[in-house]
Amino acid sequence: MQVRKERSSYLSWYFDIPPITRTYFTLSLLLTLLTTLDLLSPFSLYYNLTLILPPHNQYHRLLTSFCYFGTANLDFAFHMYFLVRYARMLEEGEFSRDRASFLLLLITSATLILLTAQALNLTFLGSSLTFCTLYVWGRRNSDVEMQMFGVLNFRAPYLPLVMLGFSLVLGNSATVDLLGIAAGHVFYFGRYVYPRVAEIRGWKRKDIMQPPDILRWICGDLVQGND
């Protein structure tokens, strides 16, 4: 009976995760499981522009390079926790009524990361995208007081820097995480800062980070008759 209750609790927690975050989380878990069981090689997942372009046409790497976080260890658990926690809070909070904008955040940030990754010789990019969500959540919740390990107190905007330090302790490269912070800042600036500047200066194009209708349709947010 106790086992059934625990299983039901895990399933309830899983299905309570909003759909976009849940899909990303599921793909990441699935890839880790398949590679752990030696049913899939990490060498078929990493970002490599040469293999993506013709004649190889391995387009799946554009996705899998963001969804593979390595073997099931402490570092993997660290990334899964923060991926689910802060992506979920963004999707349920800031973008609860506009999931298309949350999807745009992921797509825009992933695109910026991909454009830079080849020059920096980066292969697995999931950590970068996780730090994007940390950055945007922190900037949109600037008054939230946080605590790490019961001793370190800071405000939410400093969360990415604190996590960067923790990631370095785990032996990860700062380049990957800093790239995610930079991509998150580009989205934040385009979504929240630029419209205010454009309003003050009287520019015609004010909303440069509004999702296209196709993303609204995909997310079920498209309202018939609205522009």
Protein backbone atom coordinates (compact mmCIF):
# COMPACT_ATOMS: atom_id res chain seq x y z
CA MET A 1 0.00 0.00 0.00
CA GLN A 2 2.85 2.40 0.90
CA VAL A 3 4.57 1.69 -2.43
CA ARG A 4 1.39 2.53 -4.33
CA LYS A 5 1.00 5.81 -2.46
CA GLU A 6 4.60 6.80 -3.21
CA ARG A 7 4.18 5.87 -6.87
CA SER A 8 0.97 7.89 -7.06
CA SER A 9 2.73 10.84 -5.41
CA TYR A 10 5.59 10.75 -7.94
CA LEU A 11 3.15 10.55 -10.85
CA SER A 12 1.11 13.43 -9.44
CA TRP A 13 4.26 15.54 -9.07
CA TYR A 14 5.34 14.70 -12.63
CA PHE A 15 2.01 15.54 -14.27
CA ASP A 16 1.69 18.73 -12.24
CA ILE A 17 4.75 20.08 -14.07
CA PRO A 18 3.53 22.41 -16.86
CA PRO A 19 3.75 20.92 -20.37
CA ILE A 20 6.78 22.69 -21.89
CA THR A 21 8.96 22.16 -18.83
CA ARG A 22 7.71 18.59 -18.49
CA THR A 23 8.59 17.82 -22.12
CA TYR A 24 12.11 19.17 -21.71
CA PHE A 25 12.56 17.31 -18.41
CA THR A 26 11.28 14.05 -19.92
CA LEU A 27 13.59 14.23 -22.93
CA SER A 28 16.56 14.88 -20.65
CA LEU A 29 15.70 11.93 -18.41
CA LEU A 30 15.11 9.68 -21.41
CA LEU A 31 18.46 10.46 -23.02
CA THR A 32 20.30 9.90 -19.75
CA LEU A 33 18.51 6.57 -19.25
CA LEU A 34 19.28 5.38 -22.78
CA THR A 35 22.96 6.31 -22.56
CA THR A 36 23.28 4.78 -19.08
CA LEU A 37 21.90 1.49 -20.45
CA ASP A 38 24.29 1.73 -23.44
CA LEU A 39 21.35 1.82 -25.83
CA LEU A 40 22.48 5.18 -27.15
CA SER A 41 25.90 6.76 -27.49
CA PRO A 42 26.58 10.33 -26.26
CA PHE A 43 28.65 10.75 -29.42
CA SER A 44 25.39 10.75 -31.41
CA LEU A 45 23.95 13.58 -29.30
CA TYR A 46 26.50 16.37 -29.04
CA TYR A 47 26.48 19.60 -31.06
CA ASN A 48 28.63 19.45 -34.18
CA LEU A 49 27.79 21.74 -37.06
CA THR A 50 29.70 19.61 -39.56
CA LEU A 51 27.53 16.60 -38.75
CA ILE A 52 24.32 18.66 -38.76
CA LEU A 53 24.85 20.12 -42.23
CA PRO A 54 24.75 18.10 -45.50
CA PRO A 55 25.77 15.50 -46.38
CA HIS A 56 25.37 14.09 -42.83
CA ASN A 57 22.04 15.84 -42.07
CA GLN A 58 22.00 14.88 -38.39
CA TYR A 59 19.52 17.59 -37.47
CA HIS A 60 18.53 15.87 -34.23
CA ARG A 61 21.74 17.23 -32.68
CA LEU A 62 20.17 20.70 -32.58
CA LEU A 63 17.79 19.30 -29.95
CA THR A 64 19.75 16.55 -28.23
CA SER A 65 22.71 18.82 -27.48
CA PHE A 66 20.34 20.75 -25.17
CA CYS A 67 18.70 17.69 -23.61
CA TYR A 68 21.69 15.57 -22.61
CA PHE A 69 23.20 16.50 -19.24
CA GLY A 70 25.55 13.56 -18.85
CA THR A 71 25.42 10.42 -16.77
CA ALA A 72 23.18 10.03 -13.75
CA ASN A 73 25.36 11.61 -11.06
CA LEU A 74 25.34 14.60 -8.70
CA ASP A 75 25.91 17.06 -11.53
CA PHE A 76 22.96 15.61 -13.45
CA ALA A 77 20.72 15.83 -10.36
CA PHE A 78 21.87 19.42 -9.83
CA HIS A 79 20.85 20.44 -13.34
CA MET A 80 17.55 18.54 -13.29
CA TYR A 81 16.55 20.18 -10.02
CA PHE A 82 17.20 23.71 -11.23
CA LEU A 83 15.82 23.03 -14.69
CA VAL A 84 12.49 21.84 -13.33
CA ARG A 85 12.30 24.32 -10.46
CA TYR A 86 12.94 27.59 -12.30
CA ALA A 87 11.61 26.71 -15.74
CA ARG A 88 8.46 25.53 -13.99
CA MET A 89 8.13 28.74 -11.97
CA LEU A 90 8.53 30.80 -15.13
CA GLU A 91 5.97 28.75 -17.03
CA GLU A 92 3.49 28.75 -14.13
CA GLY A 93 4.12 32.34 -13.12
CA GLU A 94 5.42 34.92 -15.58
CA PHE A 95 4.16 33.03 -18.64
CA SER A 96 1.16 31.20 -17.18
CA ARG A 97 -1.22 32.90 -19.61
CA ASP A 98 1.22 33.13 -22.48
CA ARG A 99 3.13 29.87 -22.81
CA ALA A 100 4.06 30.84 -26.36
CA SER A 101 6.33 33.52 -24.91
CA PHE A 102 7.97 30.94 -22.67
CA LEU A 103 8.57 28.75 -25.71
CA LEU A 104 9.95 31.80 -27.50
CA LEU A 105 12.36 32.33 -24.59
CA LEU A 106 13.70 28.79 -25.02
CA ILE A 107 13.90 28.98 -28.82
CA THR A 108 15.50 32.44 -28.90
CA SER A 109 18.03 31.55 -26.22
CA ALA A 110 18.84 28.19 -27.85
CA THR A 111 19.39 29.93 -31.18
CA LEU A 112 21.77 32.47 -29.66
CA ILE A 113 23.65 29.69 -27.88
CA LEU A 114 23.96 27.64 -31.08
CA LEU A 115 25.31 30.62 -33.00
CA THR A 116 28.09 30.97 -30.46
CA ALA A 117 28.75 27.35 -29.51
CA GLN A 118 30.65 26.44 -32.67
CA ALA A 119 33.16 29.26 -32.19
CA LEU A 120 33.67 28.30 -28.54
CA ASN A 121 33.88 24.59 -29.36
CA LEU A 122 31.02 23.68 -27.02
CA THR A 123 29.31 20.33 -27.42
CA PHE A 124 26.57 19.90 -24.79
CA LEU A 125 24.47 23.00 -24.23
CA GLY A 126 21.77 22.05 -21.71
CA SER A 127 23.48 23.90 -18.87
CA SER A 128 23.45 27.10 -20.93
CA LEU A 129 19.71 26.89 -21.46
CA THR A 130 19.14 26.15 -17.77
CA PHE A 131 21.06 29.29 -16.84
CA CYS A 132 18.86 31.28 -19.24
CA THR A 133 15.80 30.37 -17.19
CA LEU A 134 17.65 31.13 -13.94
CA TYR A 135 18.61 34.57 -15.23
CA VAL A 136 15.17 35.56 -16.52
CA TRP A 137 13.41 34.27 -13.40
CA GLY A 138 15.87 36.12 -11.17
CA ARG A 139 15.45 39.43 -13.02
CA ARG A 140 11.64 39.14 -12.96
CA ASN A 141 11.65 38.39 -9.22
CA SER A 142 14.25 40.91 -8.13
CA ASP A 143 12.78 41.43 -4.62
CA VAL A 144 12.79 37.75 -3.67
CA GLU A 145 15.21 36.94 -0.84
CA MET A 146 17.02 33.62 -1.22
CA GLN A 147 19.28 31.47 0.91
CA MET A 148 21.83 28.82 -0.06
CA PHE A 149 22.95 26.09 2.36
CA GLY A 150 21.41 28.02 5.22
CA VAL A 151 24.22 30.60 5.36
CA LEU A 152 24.44 32.50 2.08
CA ASN A 153 21.73 35.15 1.69
CA PHE A 154 21.16 36.99 -1.57
CA ARG A 155 18.47 38.41 -3.84
CA ALA A 156 17.07 36.50 -6.81
CA PRO A 157 18.97 38.45 -9.54
CA TYR A 158 22.24 37.06 -8.11
CA LEU A 159 21.02 33.46 -8.36
CA PRO A 160 22.81 32.72 -11.69
CA LEU A 161 26.13 33.93 -10.24
CA VAL A 162 25.68 31.82 -7.12
CA MET A 163 24.82 28.80 -9.25
CA LEU A 164 27.80 29.55 -11.48
CA GLY A 165 30.07 29.33 -8.47
CA PHE A 166 28.48 26.07 -7.37
CA SER A 167 28.79 24.69 -10.89
CA LEU A 168 32.51 25.55 -10.91
CA VAL A 169 32.92 23.62 -7.65
CA LEU A 170 31.42 20.60 -9.42
CA GLY A 171 34.09 20.95 -12.09
CA ASN A 172 32.01 22.43 -14.91
CA SER A 173 33.19 25.02 -17.41
CA ALA A 174 32.24 28.62 -16.70
CA THR A 175 31.99 29.31 -20.45
CA VAL A 176 28.85 27.21 -20.92
CA ASP A 177 27.00 28.83 -18.02
CA LEU A 178 28.12 32.37 -18.85
CA LEU A 179 26.85 31.86 -22.39
CA GLY A 180 23.45 30.95 -20.96
CA ILE A 181 23.41 34.06 -18.78
CA ALA A 182 24.27 36.21 -21.81
CA ALA A 183 21.52 34.62 -23.92
CA GLY A 184 19.03 35.10 -21.09
CA HIS A 185 20.00 38.76 -20.86
CA VAL A 186 19.40 39.26 -24.60
CA PHE A 187 15.88 37.87 -24.24
CA TYR A 188 15.25 39.91 -21.07
CA PHE A 189 16.43 43.10 -22.73
CA GLY A 190 14.35 42.51 -25.86
CA ARG A 191 11.24 41.52 -23.92
CA TYR A 192 11.23 43.97 -21.00
CA VAL A 193 13.79 46.76 -21.45
CA TYR A 194 13.62 47.60 -25.15
CA PRO A 195 9.81 48.26 -25.19
CA ARG A 196 10.23 50.92 -22.48
CA VAL A 197 13.10 52.56 -24.35
CA ALA A 198 11.11 52.46 -27.60
CA GLU A 199 8.10 54.01 -25.85
CA ILE A 200 10.18 56.87 -24.46
CA ARG A 201 11.88 57.57 -27.79
CA GLY A 202 8.77 57.16 -29.88
CA TRP A 203 10.01 54.28 -32.00
CA LYS A 204 7.39 52.46 -34.04
CA ARG A 205 8.57 48.90 -33.40
CA LYS A 206 8.17 48.33 -29.68
CA ASP A 207 7.45 44.63 -29.19
CA ILE A 208 10.34 42.71 -30.70
CA MET A 209 10.00 39.65 -28.45
CA GLN A 210 6.35 38.82 -29.06
CA PRO A 211 5.80 35.21 -30.18
CA PRO A 212 4.53 34.58 -33.72
CA ASP A 213 1.09 33.10 -34.23
CA ILE A 214 2.49 29.67 -35.02
CA LEU A 215 3.94 29.43 -31.50
CA ARG A 216 0.65 30.59 -30.03
CA TRP A 217 -1.12 27.92 -32.06
CA ILE A 218 1.32 25.26 -30.90
CA CYS A 219 0.82 26.30 -27.29
CA GLY A 220 -2.94 26.67 -27.62
CA ASP A 221 -2.80 30.40 -26.87
CA LEU A 222 -3.93 31.69 -30.27
CA VAL A 223 -7.21 33.58 -29.88
CA GLN A 224 -9.40 33.66 -32.96
CA GLY A 225 -9.65 37.15 -34.37
CA ASN A 226 -6.74 38.67 -32.41
CA ASP A 227 -3.77 40.16 -34.25
